[in-house]
C-alpha atoms as a PDB file:
ATOM      1  CA  MET A   1     -22.682 101.733 -84.234  1.00  0.00           C
ATOM      2  CA  ILE A   2     -24.836 100.877 -80.970  1.00  0.00           C
ATOM      3  CA  TYR A   3     -26.136  97.406 -82.447  1.00  0.00           C
ATOM      4  CA  ALA A   4     -22.622  96.187 -83.103  1.00  0.00           C
ATOM      5  CA  LEU A   5     -21.510  97.245 -79.066  1.00  0.00           C
ATOM      6  CA  VAL A   6     -24.826  95.295 -78.036  1.00  0.00           C
ATOM      7  CA  PHE A   7     -23.852  92.407 -80.154  1.00  0.00           C
ATOM      8  CA  LEU A   8     -20.157  92.483 -79.256  1.00  0.00           C
ATOM      9  CA  HIS A   9     -21.559  93.022 -75.693  1.00  0.00           C
ATOM     10  CA  THR A  10     -23.512  90.002 -75.475  1.00  0.00           C
ATOM     11  CA  ILE A  11     -20.883  87.536 -77.104  1.00  0.00           C
ATOM     12  CA  PHE A  12     -17.989  88.707 -74.156  1.00  0.00           C
ATOM     13  CA  GLY A  13     -21.246  88.531 -71.786  1.00  0.00           C
ATOM     14  CA  ALA A  14     -21.880  84.792 -72.713  1.00  0.00           C
ATOM     15  CA  SER A  15     -18.162  84.061 -73.165  1.00  0.00           C
ATOM     16  CA  LEU A  16     -17.322  85.612 -69.697  1.00  0.00           C
ATOM     17  CA  VAL A  17     -19.979  83.138 -68.340  1.00  0.00           C
ATOM     18  CA  GLY A  18     -18.694  79.996 -69.977  1.00  0.00           C
ATOM     19  CA  LEU A  19     -14.954  81.040 -68.953  1.00  0.00           C
ATOM     20  CA  ILE A  20     -15.642  81.447 -65.418  1.00  0.00           C
ATOM     21  CA  LEU A  21     -17.842  77.941 -64.869  1.00  0.00           C
ATOM     22  CA  LEU A  22     -14.419  76.478 -66.516  1.00  0.00           C
ATOM     23  CA  HIS A  23     -12.299  77.256 -63.531  1.00  0.00           C
ATOM     24  CA  SER A  24     -11.707  75.015 -61.254  1.00  0.00           C
ATOM     25  CA  GLY A  25     -12.882  75.310 -57.615  1.00  0.00           C
ATOM     26  CA  LYS A  26     -12.418  73.365 -54.996  1.00  0.00           C
ATOM     27  CA  GLY A  27     -14.053  70.446 -55.816  1.00  0.00           C
ATOM     28  CA  GLY A  28     -11.976  70.305 -59.845  1.00  0.00           C
ATOM     29  CA  GLY A  29     -14.522  71.918 -62.018  1.00  0.00           C
ATOM     30  CA  LEU A  30     -15.230  71.648 -65.378  1.00  0.00           C
ATOM     31  CA  SER A  31     -11.504  72.224 -65.924  1.00  0.00           C
ATOM     32  CA  SER A  32     -10.024  69.134 -64.477  1.00  0.00           C
ATOM     33  CA  SER A  33     -12.394  66.867 -66.233  1.00  0.00           C
ATOM     34  CA  LEU A  34     -11.318  68.716 -69.887  1.00  0.00           C
ATOM     35  CA  GLY A  35      -7.456  67.594 -68.536  1.00  0.00           C
ATOM     36  CA  GLY A  36      -6.766  70.679 -66.508  1.00  0.00           C
ATOM     37  CA  GLY A  37      -6.335  68.337 -63.259  1.00  0.00           C
ATOM     38  CA  MET A  38      -3.638  65.995 -64.669  1.00  0.00           C
ATOM     39  CA  GLY A  39      -0.163  66.409 -63.297  1.00  0.00           C
ATOM     40  CA  GLY A  40      -0.832  69.678 -61.301  1.00  0.00           C
ATOM     41  CA  THR A  41      -0.600  68.588 -57.676  1.00  0.00           C
ATOM     42  CA  PHE A  42       2.884  68.906 -57.136  1.00  0.00           C
ATOM     43  CA  SER A  43       3.484  72.476 -59.479  1.00  0.00           C
ATOM     44  CA  GLY A  44       0.411  74.465 -58.208  1.00  0.00           C
ATOM     45  CA  THR A  45      -1.543  75.240 -61.011  1.00  0.00           C
ATOM     46  CA  THR A  46      -1.029  73.617 -64.036  1.00  0.00           C
ATOM     47  CA  ILE A  47      -0.471  75.509 -67.785  1.00  0.00           C
ATOM     48  CA  MET A  48      -4.012  75.126 -68.743  1.00  0.00           C
ATOM     49  CA  GLU A  49      -5.503  77.078 -66.000  1.00  0.00           C
ATOM     50  CA  LYS A  50      -2.920  79.924 -66.218  1.00  0.00           C
ATOM     51  CA  ASN A  51      -4.038  80.408 -69.641  1.00  0.00           C
ATOM     52  CA  LEU A  52      -7.306  79.814 -69.046  1.00  0.00           C
ATOM     53  CA  THR A  53      -7.335  82.449 -66.148  1.00  0.00           C
ATOM     54  CA  ARG A  54      -5.150  84.835 -68.788  1.00  0.00           C
ATOM     55  CA  LEU A  55      -8.046  84.610 -71.309  1.00  0.00           C
ATOM     56  CA  THR A  56     -10.804  85.576 -68.501  1.00  0.00           C
ATOM     57  CA  VAL A  57      -8.839  88.486 -67.835  1.00  0.00           C
ATOM     58  CA  ILE A  58      -8.588  89.364 -71.487  1.00  0.00           C
ATOM     59  CA  VAL A  59     -12.614  89.193 -71.765  1.00  0.00           C
ATOM     60  CA  VAL A  60     -13.075  90.826 -68.672  1.00  0.00           C
ATOM     61  CA  ALA A  61     -11.579  93.630 -69.688  1.00  0.00           C
ATOM     62  CA  LEU A  62     -13.103  93.553 -73.252  1.00  0.00           C
ATOM     63  CA  PHE A  63     -17.057  93.200 -71.307  1.00  0.00           C
ATOM     64  CA  THR A  64     -15.939  96.022 -69.478  1.00  0.00           C
ATOM     65  CA  LEU A  65     -14.868  98.485 -72.123  1.00  0.00           C
ATOM     66  CA  THR A  66     -17.976  97.552 -74.121  1.00  0.00           C
ATOM     67  CA  THR A  67     -20.027  98.508 -70.894  1.00  0.00           C
ATOM     68  CA  VAL A  68     -18.200 101.880 -70.713  1.00  0.00           C
ATOM     69  CA  ALA A  69     -18.796 102.343 -74.405  1.00  0.00           C
ATOM     70  CA  LEU A  70     -22.530 101.452 -74.177  1.00  0.00           C
ATOM     71  CA  ILE A  71     -22.995 104.015 -70.612  1.00  0.00           C
ATOM     72  CA  PHE A  72     -21.251 106.743 -72.913  1.00  0.00           C
ATOM     73  CA  LEU A  73     -22.944 106.073 -76.513  1.00  0.00           C
ATOM     74  CA  SER A  74     -26.632 105.796 -74.986  1.00  0.00           C
END
């Protein structure tokens, strides 16, 4: 059980790093090179950025759950 949680925790942590790097900061970030910066100047944030934010929040929640589970099981 603990090995499965450690494996999931590692996957969620690596995914979280990748998702955070994809977010656009002040300079555009990596998401603008993947098409996130197209047409978003007048409408604010693009759909790709909103979906990226939602996915990041989901991965953060899963990472938090695995962290708490590992604390209680260790």
